[in-house]
Amino acid sequence: MLPVFKAAGARVVAPDRLGFGTSHKPVDAATHTFTFHREILCRLVQRLDLRNIVLVVQDWGGLLGPTLPMQAPERYAGLQVMNTAFATGDMPLGQGFLDWRAFSNKNPDLAVGKRAGALVSAADAGGSGGLRRAFPGRQLQGRRPTLPELVPDHPDADGAALSRAARR
């Protein structure tokens, strides 16, 4: 999606959230809260002095993204929400999601780096090596999935009230 937005002339900002992708990971797992990650994104918008934002959120981005305009509505011109759900804690989470969350909690090292490196190599098989240069294996460090824990599973969970307010 990012190349399409750029080709249309938009300035695109796609942060690598703290503790995910190739970013540094907070030492204390308790740091990974809805409020913490939301605050990091709000500070990014402020520090870059972003204005006239059309915020596009998809999948996991929909967990936090729709709550951002509430902090500084004057900075936002629109919101596009795709393939996600508001994490309000009002409805029970599906059994498949609960099973996946339990599995990721029991397996803190899912060898994400190895798997991602293999996917990049397979995607670039017979190619120019461009994907390998863009995503070298040494940067693909394993990260325990923390987003499953951020999904509010009851109405009083961290972020649930903000998500309910954003939904309105």
N, C-alpha and C. Protein backbone atom coordinates (compact mmCIF):
# COMPACT_ATOMS: atom_id res chain seq x y z
N MET A 1 0.82 -1.20 0.00
CA MET A 1 0.00 0.00 0.00
C MET A 1 0.86 1.25 0.00
N LEU A 2 2.00 1.19 0.71
CA LEU A 2 2.82 2.39 0.83
C LEU A 2 3.30 2.92 -0.52
N PRO A 3 3.79 2.08 -1.44
CA PRO A 3 4.21 2.61 -2.74
C PRO A 3 3.07 3.27 -3.51
N VAL A 4 1.87 2.73 -3.36
CA VAL A 4 0.71 3.32 -4.05
C VAL A 4 0.43 4.71 -3.50
N PHE A 5 0.47 4.87 -2.18
CA PHE A 5 0.23 6.18 -1.58
C PHE A 5 1.31 7.17 -1.99
N LYS A 6 2.57 6.71 -2.00
CA LYS A 6 3.67 7.59 -2.41
C LYS A 6 3.53 7.99 -3.87
N ALA A 7 3.17 7.04 -4.73
CA ALA A 7 3.00 7.34 -6.16
C ALA A 7 1.89 8.35 -6.39
N ALA A 8 0.93 8.38 -5.48
CA ALA A 8 -0.17 9.34 -5.57
C ALA A 8 0.23 10.71 -5.03
N GLY A 9 1.47 10.82 -4.55
CA GLY A 9 1.97 12.11 -4.07
C GLY A 9 1.85 12.34 -2.57
N ALA A 10 1.45 11.31 -1.83
CA ALA A 10 1.30 11.46 -0.39
C ALA A 10 2.64 11.29 0.31
N ARG A 11 2.81 12.00 1.39
CA ARG A 11 3.94 11.74 2.28
C ARG A 11 3.52 10.56 3.15
N VAL A 12 4.35 9.55 3.22
CA VAL A 12 4.00 8.34 3.94
C VAL A 12 4.93 8.18 5.14
N VAL A 13 4.35 8.00 6.31
CA VAL A 13 5.11 7.73 7.52
C VAL A 13 4.61 6.39 8.05
N ALA A 14 5.52 5.42 8.12
CA ALA A 14 5.17 4.08 8.59
C ALA A 14 6.15 3.69 9.69
N PRO A 15 5.81 3.98 10.94
CA PRO A 15 6.74 3.71 12.03
C PRO A 15 6.92 2.22 12.31
N ASP A 16 8.13 1.87 12.67
CA ASP A 16 8.43 0.53 13.17
C ASP A 16 8.27 0.64 14.67
N ARG A 17 7.16 0.16 15.18
CA ARG A 17 6.85 0.36 16.59
C ARG A 17 7.86 -0.31 17.50
N LEU A 18 8.11 0.35 18.60
CA LEU A 18 9.08 -0.09 19.58
C LEU A 18 8.77 -1.51 20.04
N GLY A 19 9.76 -2.39 19.90
CA GLY A 19 9.59 -3.78 20.31
C GLY A 19 9.11 -4.69 19.21
N PHE A 20 8.91 -4.17 18.01
CA PHE A 20 8.42 -4.95 16.88
C PHE A 20 9.38 -4.76 15.72
N GLY A 21 9.31 -5.63 14.73
CA GLY A 21 10.17 -5.49 13.56
C GLY A 21 11.63 -5.47 13.96
N THR A 22 12.37 -4.49 13.46
CA THR A 22 13.80 -4.42 13.73
C THR A 22 14.14 -3.39 14.80
N SER A 23 13.13 -2.86 15.48
CA SER A 23 13.38 -1.85 16.51
C SER A 23 13.90 -2.50 17.79
N HIS A 24 14.38 -1.66 18.68
CA HIS A 24 14.81 -2.15 19.99
C HIS A 24 13.60 -2.65 20.77
N LYS A 25 13.84 -3.59 21.64
CA LYS A 25 12.77 -4.17 22.43
C LYS A 25 12.93 -3.73 23.88
N PRO A 26 11.89 -3.18 24.49
CA PRO A 26 11.99 -2.85 25.91
C PRO A 26 12.34 -4.10 26.73
N VAL A 27 13.21 -3.94 27.70
CA VAL A 27 13.67 -5.06 28.52
C VAL A 27 12.53 -5.62 29.35
N ASP A 28 11.74 -4.76 29.94
CA ASP A 28 10.65 -5.19 30.82
C ASP A 28 9.40 -5.46 29.99
N ALA A 29 8.96 -6.70 29.96
CA ALA A 29 7.77 -7.07 29.18
C ALA A 29 6.54 -6.29 29.62
N ALA A 30 6.50 -5.85 30.88
CA ALA A 30 5.35 -5.09 31.39
C ALA A 30 5.22 -3.73 30.70
N THR A 31 6.28 -3.30 30.02
CA THR A 31 6.24 -2.03 29.29
C THR A 31 5.25 -2.10 28.14
N HIS A 32 5.08 -3.28 27.57
CA HIS A 32 4.21 -3.44 26.41
C HIS A 32 2.74 -3.35 26.83
N THR A 33 2.24 -2.14 26.89
CA THR A 33 0.82 -1.92 27.21
C THR A 33 0.20 -1.11 26.08
N PHE A 34 -1.09 -1.16 26.00
CA PHE A 34 -1.83 -0.36 25.03
C PHE A 34 -1.46 1.11 25.18
N THR A 35 -1.51 1.60 26.42
CA THR A 35 -1.23 3.01 26.70
C THR A 35 0.19 3.40 26.29
N PHE A 36 1.16 2.56 26.60
CA PHE A 36 2.56 2.84 26.25
C PHE A 36 2.72 2.98 24.74
N HIS A 37 2.23 2.00 23.99
CA HIS A 37 2.40 2.03 22.54
C HIS A 37 1.61 3.17 21.89
N ARG A 38 0.45 3.46 22.43
CA ARG A 38 -0.32 4.59 21.91
C ARG A 38 0.41 5.90 22.15
N GLU A 39 0.98 6.07 23.32
CA GLU A 39 1.71 7.29 23.65
C GLU A 39 2.92 7.48 22.74
N ILE A 40 3.62 6.41 22.44
CA ILE A 40 4.77 6.49 21.52
C ILE A 40 4.30 7.03 20.16
N LEU A 41 3.19 6.51 19.66
CA LEU A 41 2.69 6.98 18.37
C LEU A 41 2.22 8.43 18.43
N CYS A 42 1.56 8.81 19.51
CA CYS A 42 1.13 10.20 19.66
C CYS A 42 2.34 11.15 19.69
N ARG A 43 3.39 10.74 20.37
CA ARG A 43 4.61 11.56 20.44
C ARG A 43 5.28 11.66 19.07
N LEU A 44 5.24 10.59 18.31
CA LEU A 44 5.81 10.62 16.96
C LEU A 44 5.10 11.66 16.10
N VAL A 45 3.78 11.66 16.14
CA VAL A 45 3.00 12.63 15.37
C VAL A 45 3.36 14.05 15.79
N GLN A 46 3.48 14.25 17.09
CA GLN A 46 3.82 15.58 17.61
C GLN A 46 5.26 15.97 17.23
N ARG A 47 6.19 15.07 17.42
CA ARG A 47 7.60 15.38 17.16
C ARG A 47 7.86 15.69 15.68
N LEU A 48 7.18 14.95 14.79
CA LEU A 48 7.32 15.21 13.35
C LEU A 48 6.44 16.36 12.90
N ASP A 49 5.65 16.89 13.82
CA ASP A 49 4.70 17.97 13.55
C ASP A 49 3.83 17.66 12.34
N LEU A 50 3.30 16.43 12.32
CA LEU A 50 2.46 15.99 11.21
C LEU A 50 1.11 16.69 11.29
N ARG A 51 0.64 17.12 10.14
CA ARG A 51 -0.65 17.81 10.04
C ARG A 51 -1.39 17.31 8.81
N ASN A 52 -2.68 17.54 8.78
CA ASN A 52 -3.51 17.14 7.65
C ASN A 52 -3.34 15.63 7.38
N ILE A 53 -3.29 14.88 8.44
CA ILE A 53 -3.04 13.43 8.37
C ILE A 53 -4.29 12.69 7.92
N VAL A 54 -4.11 11.82 6.95
CA VAL A 54 -5.11 10.81 6.65
C VAL A 54 -4.51 9.53 7.19
N LEU A 55 -4.99 9.11 8.33
CA LEU A 55 -4.45 7.95 9.02
C LEU A 55 -5.06 6.69 8.42
N VAL A 56 -4.21 5.82 7.93
CA VAL A 56 -4.64 4.56 7.34
C VAL A 56 -4.18 3.44 8.26
N VAL A 57 -5.12 2.68 8.77
CA VAL A 57 -4.79 1.57 9.68
C VAL A 57 -5.35 0.28 9.13
N GLN A 58 -4.58 -0.78 9.33
CA GLN A 58 -4.98 -2.09 8.86
C GLN A 58 -4.52 -3.13 9.86
N ASP A 59 -5.27 -4.17 10.00
CA ASP A 59 -4.89 -5.31 10.82
C ASP A 59 -4.49 -4.85 12.22
N TRP A 60 -3.26 -5.12 12.67
CA TRP A 60 -2.83 -4.74 14.02
C TRP A 60 -2.80 -3.24 14.21
N GLY A 61 -2.61 -2.47 13.13
CA GLY A 61 -2.62 -1.00 13.24
C GLY A 61 -3.97 -0.48 13.72
N GLY A 62 -5.02 -1.26 13.50
CA GLY A 62 -6.34 -0.87 13.93
C GLY A 62 -6.54 -0.97 15.43
N LEU A 63 -5.63 -1.65 16.10
CA LEU A 63 -5.73 -1.77 17.55
C LEU A 63 -5.52 -0.41 18.22
N LEU A 64 -4.52 0.35 17.78
CA LEU A 64 -4.18 1.63 18.39
C LEU A 64 -4.60 2.82 17.53
N GLY A 65 -4.45 2.69 16.23
CA GLY A 65 -4.61 3.82 15.32
C GLY A 65 -5.87 4.66 15.48
N PRO A 66 -7.03 4.06 15.52
CA PRO A 66 -8.25 4.88 15.60
C PRO A 66 -8.33 5.74 16.87
N THR A 67 -7.53 5.43 17.88
CA THR A 67 -7.56 6.24 19.11
C THR A 67 -6.64 7.46 19.02
N LEU A 68 -5.74 7.51 18.02
CA LEU A 68 -4.78 8.61 17.94
C LEU A 68 -5.42 9.98 17.71
N PRO A 69 -6.37 10.11 16.78
CA PRO A 69 -6.94 11.45 16.53
C PRO A 69 -7.60 12.07 17.76
N MET A 70 -7.95 11.28 18.74
CA MET A 70 -8.61 11.82 19.93
C MET A 70 -7.67 12.73 20.72
N GLN A 71 -6.36 12.49 20.63
CA GLN A 71 -5.41 13.29 21.39
C GLN A 71 -5.15 14.65 20.74
N ALA A 72 -5.18 14.70 19.42
CA ALA A 72 -4.90 15.95 18.71
C ALA A 72 -5.74 16.00 17.43
N PRO A 73 -7.05 16.14 17.56
CA PRO A 73 -7.94 16.06 16.38
C PRO A 73 -7.62 17.08 15.30
N GLU A 74 -7.02 18.19 15.68
CA GLU A 74 -6.71 19.23 14.69
C GLU A 74 -5.64 18.77 13.69
N ARG A 75 -4.92 17.74 14.00
CA ARG A 75 -3.86 17.24 13.11
C ARG A 75 -4.39 16.27 12.04
N TYR A 76 -5.61 15.78 12.19
CA TYR A 76 -6.14 14.71 11.34
C TYR A 76 -7.21 15.22 10.39
N ALA A 77 -7.07 14.79 9.12
CA ALA A 77 -8.06 15.13 8.10
C ALA A 77 -8.97 13.95 7.77
N GLY A 78 -8.52 12.75 8.10
CA GLY A 78 -9.33 11.58 7.80
C GLY A 78 -8.77 10.32 8.42
N LEU A 79 -9.58 9.28 8.39
CA LEU A 79 -9.20 7.99 8.95
C LEU A 79 -9.73 6.90 8.03
N GLN A 80 -8.85 6.03 7.58
CA GLN A 80 -9.23 4.87 6.76
C GLN A 80 -8.93 3.62 7.57
N VAL A 81 -9.96 2.86 7.90
CA VAL A 81 -9.81 1.65 8.72
C VAL A 81 -10.12 0.44 7.84
N MET A 82 -9.13 -0.49 7.78
CA MET A 82 -9.30 -1.67 6.91
C MET A 82 -8.92 -2.93 7.68
N ASN A 83 -9.66 -4.00 7.46
CA ASN A 83 -9.30 -5.33 7.94
C ASN A 83 -8.86 -5.33 9.41
N THR A 84 -9.68 -4.79 10.25
CA THR A 84 -9.36 -4.74 11.68
C THR A 84 -10.65 -4.65 12.48
N ALA A 85 -10.53 -4.50 13.75
CA ALA A 85 -11.69 -4.35 14.62
C ALA A 85 -11.33 -3.41 15.75
N PHE A 86 -12.32 -2.76 16.29
CA PHE A 86 -12.09 -1.92 17.47
C PHE A 86 -11.94 -2.83 18.68
N ALA A 87 -10.89 -2.61 19.43
CA ALA A 87 -10.57 -3.46 20.58
C ALA A 87 -11.21 -2.87 21.83
N THR A 88 -12.50 -3.06 21.96
CA THR A 88 -13.24 -2.43 23.05
C THR A 88 -13.37 -3.30 24.30
N GLY A 89 -13.09 -4.60 24.18
CA GLY A 89 -13.23 -5.50 25.31
C GLY A 89 -14.66 -5.85 25.63
N ASP A 90 -15.60 -5.41 24.80
CA ASP A 90 -17.02 -5.64 25.05
C ASP A 90 -17.50 -7.02 24.61
N MET A 91 -16.80 -7.61 23.66
CA MET A 91 -17.21 -8.91 23.14
C MET A 91 -16.13 -9.94 23.46
N PRO A 92 -16.51 -11.16 23.70
CA PRO A 92 -15.50 -12.19 23.97
C PRO A 92 -14.60 -12.39 22.75
N LEU A 93 -13.32 -12.61 23.01
CA LEU A 93 -12.39 -12.91 21.93
C LEU A 93 -12.63 -14.33 21.46
N GLY A 94 -12.46 -14.58 20.18
CA GLY A 94 -12.68 -15.91 19.64
C GLY A 94 -11.69 -16.93 20.16
N GLN A 95 -12.10 -18.19 20.16
CA GLN A 95 -11.25 -19.26 20.68
C GLN A 95 -9.96 -19.38 19.88
N GLY A 96 -10.02 -19.17 18.58
CA GLY A 96 -8.81 -19.23 17.77
C GLY A 96 -7.79 -18.19 18.20
N PHE A 97 -8.26 -16.98 18.46
CA PHE A 97 -7.36 -15.93 18.93
C PHE A 97 -6.80 -16.27 20.30
N LEU A 98 -7.65 -16.73 21.21
CA LEU A 98 -7.20 -17.09 22.55
C LEU A 98 -6.16 -18.21 22.51
N ASP A 99 -6.37 -19.20 21.63
CA ASP A 99 -5.40 -20.29 21.49
C ASP A 99 -4.07 -19.76 20.97
N TRP A 100 -4.14 -18.88 19.98
CA TRP A 100 -2.91 -18.31 19.41
C TRP A 100 -2.17 -17.48 20.46
N ARG A 101 -2.90 -16.70 21.23
CA ARG A 101 -2.28 -15.89 22.28
C ARG A 101 -1.60 -16.79 23.32
N ALA A 102 -2.27 -17.85 23.71
CA ALA A 102 -1.68 -18.79 24.67
C ALA A 102 -0.42 -19.44 24.09
N PHE A 103 -0.47 -19.82 22.82
CA PHE A 103 0.69 -20.44 22.17
C PHE A 103 1.86 -19.46 22.13
N SER A 104 1.61 -18.21 21.75
CA SER A 104 2.71 -17.24 21.66
C SER A 104 3.28 -16.94 23.05
N ASN A 105 2.46 -16.99 24.08
CA ASN A 105 2.97 -16.78 25.44
C ASN A 105 3.84 -17.94 25.91
N LYS A 106 3.50 -19.15 25.49
CA LYS A 106 4.27 -20.33 25.89
C LYS A 106 5.54 -20.50 25.06
N ASN A 107 5.63 -19.81 23.94
CA ASN A 107 6.76 -19.95 23.03
C ASN A 107 7.36 -18.57 22.74
N PRO A 108 8.10 -18.02 23.71
CA PRO A 108 8.59 -16.65 23.55
C PRO A 108 9.56 -16.46 22.39
N ASP A 109 10.25 -17.51 21.96
CA ASP A 109 11.15 -17.39 20.82
C ASP A 109 10.58 -18.21 19.68
N LEU A 110 9.84 -17.54 18.83
CA LEU A 110 9.21 -18.23 17.71
C LEU A 110 10.11 -18.26 16.49
N ALA A 111 11.41 -17.94 16.66
CA ALA A 111 12.38 -17.94 15.56
C ALA A 111 11.88 -17.09 14.40
N VAL A 112 11.34 -15.93 14.73
CA VAL A 112 10.80 -15.03 13.72
C VAL A 112 11.87 -14.67 12.70
N GLY A 113 13.09 -14.40 13.15
CA GLY A 113 14.16 -14.01 12.24
C GLY A 113 14.45 -15.08 11.21
N LYS A 114 14.54 -16.34 11.65
CA LYS A 114 14.80 -17.44 10.72
C LYS A 114 13.67 -17.56 9.71
N ARG A 115 12.45 -17.53 10.21
CA ARG A 115 11.30 -17.69 9.31
C ARG A 115 11.21 -16.54 8.32
N ALA A 116 11.39 -15.32 8.79
CA ALA A 116 11.32 -14.16 7.90
C ALA A 116 12.46 -14.21 6.89
N GLY A 117 13.66 -14.59 7.33
CA GLY A 117 14.78 -14.69 6.40
C GLY A 117 14.51 -15.72 5.32
N ALA A 118 13.92 -16.84 5.69
CA ALA A 118 13.59 -17.87 4.71
C ALA A 118 12.54 -17.36 3.73
N LEU A 119 11.55 -16.63 4.23
CA LEU A 119 10.52 -16.08 3.36
C LEU A 119 11.11 -15.08 2.38
N VAL A 120 12.00 -14.22 2.86
CA VAL A 120 12.64 -13.23 1.99
C VAL A 120 13.46 -13.94 0.93
N SER A 121 14.23 -14.97 1.32
CA SER A 121 15.04 -15.72 0.36
C SER A 121 14.16 -16.39 -0.68
N ALA A 122 13.06 -16.99 -0.24
CA ALA A 122 12.16 -17.67 -1.17
C ALA A 122 11.51 -16.67 -2.12
N ALA A 123 11.12 -15.51 -1.60
CA ALA A 123 10.47 -14.50 -2.43
C ALA A 123 11.43 -13.94 -3.47
N ASP A 124 12.71 -13.97 -3.15
CA ASP A 124 13.70 -13.38 -4.05
C ASP A 124 14.47 -14.44 -4.83
N ALA A 125 14.04 -15.70 -4.75
CA ALA A 125 14.76 -16.78 -5.43
C ALA A 125 14.87 -16.47 -6.91
N GLY A 126 16.10 -16.53 -7.41
CA GLY A 126 16.32 -16.27 -8.83
C GLY A 126 16.25 -14.81 -9.19
N GLY A 127 16.05 -13.95 -8.20
CA GLY A 127 15.93 -12.51 -8.49
C GLY A 127 17.25 -11.80 -8.34
N SER A 128 17.18 -10.53 -8.16
CA SER A 128 18.37 -9.69 -8.13
C SER A 128 19.02 -9.64 -6.75
N GLY A 129 18.41 -10.23 -5.77
CA GLY A 129 18.95 -10.13 -4.41
C GLY A 129 18.47 -8.87 -3.70
N GLY A 130 17.60 -8.13 -4.32
CA GLY A 130 17.13 -6.86 -3.75
C GLY A 130 16.42 -7.03 -2.43
N LEU A 131 15.62 -8.08 -2.31
CA LEU A 131 14.92 -8.29 -1.04
C LEU A 131 15.91 -8.64 0.06
N ARG A 132 16.94 -9.44 -0.28
CA ARG A 132 17.93 -9.79 0.74
C ARG A 132 18.70 -8.56 1.19
N ARG A 133 18.96 -7.64 0.27
CA ARG A 133 19.67 -6.41 0.67
C ARG A 133 18.77 -5.53 1.51
N ALA A 134 17.47 -5.47 1.18
CA ALA A 134 16.54 -4.62 1.92
C ALA A 134 16.25 -5.18 3.31
N PHE A 135 16.29 -6.51 3.44
CA PHE A 135 15.97 -7.15 4.71
C PHE A 135 17.05 -8.17 5.07
N PRO A 136 18.27 -7.72 5.35
CA PRO A 136 19.33 -8.68 5.68
C PRO A 136 18.98 -9.47 6.93
N GLY A 137 19.38 -10.75 6.95
CA GLY A 137 19.03 -11.65 8.05
C GLY A 137 19.45 -11.14 9.42
N ARG A 138 20.58 -10.44 9.51
CA ARG A 138 21.05 -10.00 10.82
C ARG A 138 20.12 -8.97 11.45
N GLN A 139 19.29 -8.31 10.64
CA GLN A 139 18.35 -7.34 11.19
C GLN A 139 17.06 -8.00 11.64
N LEU A 140 16.79 -9.19 11.17
CA LEU A 140 15.54 -9.86 11.48
C LEU A 140 15.69 -10.61 12.78
N GLN A 141 15.49 -9.91 13.86
CA GLN A 141 15.63 -10.50 15.18
C GLN A 141 14.29 -11.05 15.63
N GLY A 142 14.32 -12.17 16.32
CA GLY A 142 13.09 -12.76 16.83
C GLY A 142 12.43 -11.85 17.85
N ARG A 143 11.15 -11.72 17.78
CA ARG A 143 10.39 -10.91 18.72
C ARG A 143 9.20 -11.72 19.20
N ARG A 144 9.05 -11.85 20.48
CA ARG A 144 7.87 -12.49 21.02
C ARG A 144 6.67 -11.63 20.68
N PRO A 145 5.65 -12.21 20.07
CA PRO A 145 4.48 -11.40 19.74
C PRO A 145 3.85 -10.81 21.00
N THR A 146 3.83 -9.52 21.11
CA THR A 146 3.23 -8.88 22.28
C THR A 146 1.87 -8.30 21.96
N LEU A 147 1.57 -8.10 20.69
CA LEU A 147 0.28 -7.52 20.35
C LEU A 147 -0.90 -8.35 20.84
N PRO A 148 -0.83 -9.67 20.84
CA PRO A 148 -1.98 -10.42 21.36
C PRO A 148 -2.34 -10.02 22.80
N GLU A 149 -1.33 -9.68 23.58
CA GLU A 149 -1.59 -9.28 24.97
C GLU A 149 -2.20 -7.89 25.06
N LEU A 150 -2.03 -7.07 24.02
CA LEU A 150 -2.55 -5.70 24.04
C LEU A 150 -4.04 -5.65 23.71
N VAL A 151 -4.57 -6.70 23.14
CA VAL A 151 -5.98 -6.71 22.75
C VAL A 151 -6.83 -6.76 24.01
N PRO A 152 -7.62 -5.71 24.27
CA PRO A 152 -8.47 -5.72 25.46
C PRO A 152 -9.45 -6.89 25.44
N ASP A 153 -9.44 -7.67 26.51
CA ASP A 153 -10.32 -8.83 26.57
C ASP A 153 -11.45 -8.67 27.58
N HIS A 154 -11.54 -7.47 28.17
CA HIS A 154 -12.68 -7.15 29.03
C HIS A 154 -12.85 -5.63 29.01
N PRO A 155 -14.03 -5.12 29.34
CA PRO A 155 -14.32 -3.70 29.21
C PRO A 155 -13.41 -2.77 30.01
N ASP A 156 -12.79 -3.26 31.09
CA ASP A 156 -11.91 -2.41 31.89
C ASP A 156 -10.44 -2.55 31.53
N ALA A 157 -10.12 -3.33 30.49
CA ALA A 157 -8.73 -3.53 30.09
C ALA A 157 -8.13 -2.23 29.56
N ASP A 158 -6.80 -2.12 29.68
CA ASP A 158 -6.08 -0.95 29.18
C ASP A 158 -6.41 -0.72 27.71
N GLY A 159 -6.90 0.44 27.38
CA GLY A 159 -7.21 0.81 26.00
C GLY A 159 -8.65 0.57 25.59
N ALA A 160 -9.39 -0.22 26.34
CA ALA A 160 -10.76 -0.55 25.95
C ALA A 160 -11.65 0.69 25.90
N ALA A 161 -11.58 1.53 26.90
CA ALA A 161 -12.42 2.75 26.93
C ALA A 161 -12.06 3.68 25.78
N LEU A 162 -10.78 3.85 25.50
CA LEU A 162 -10.37 4.70 24.38
C LEU A 162 -10.89 4.14 23.06
N SER A 163 -10.82 2.84 22.90
CA SER A 163 -11.31 2.21 21.67
C SER A 163 -12.83 2.39 21.53
N ARG A 164 -13.55 2.29 22.65
CA ARG A 164 -15.00 2.53 22.58
C ARG A 164 -15.29 3.97 22.18
N ALA A 165 -14.54 4.91 22.73
CA ALA A 165 -14.74 6.32 22.39
C ALA A 165 -14.40 6.59 20.93
N ALA A 166 -13.33 5.95 20.41
CA ALA A 166 -12.92 6.14 19.02
C ALA A 166 -13.96 5.58 18.06
N ARG A 167 -14.61 4.50 18.48
CA ARG A 167 -15.63 3.87 17.64
C ARG A 167 -16.82 4.79 17.39
N ARG A 168 -17.08 5.66 18.36
CA ARG A 168 -18.21 6.58 18.22
C ARG A 168 -17.86 7.62 17.23
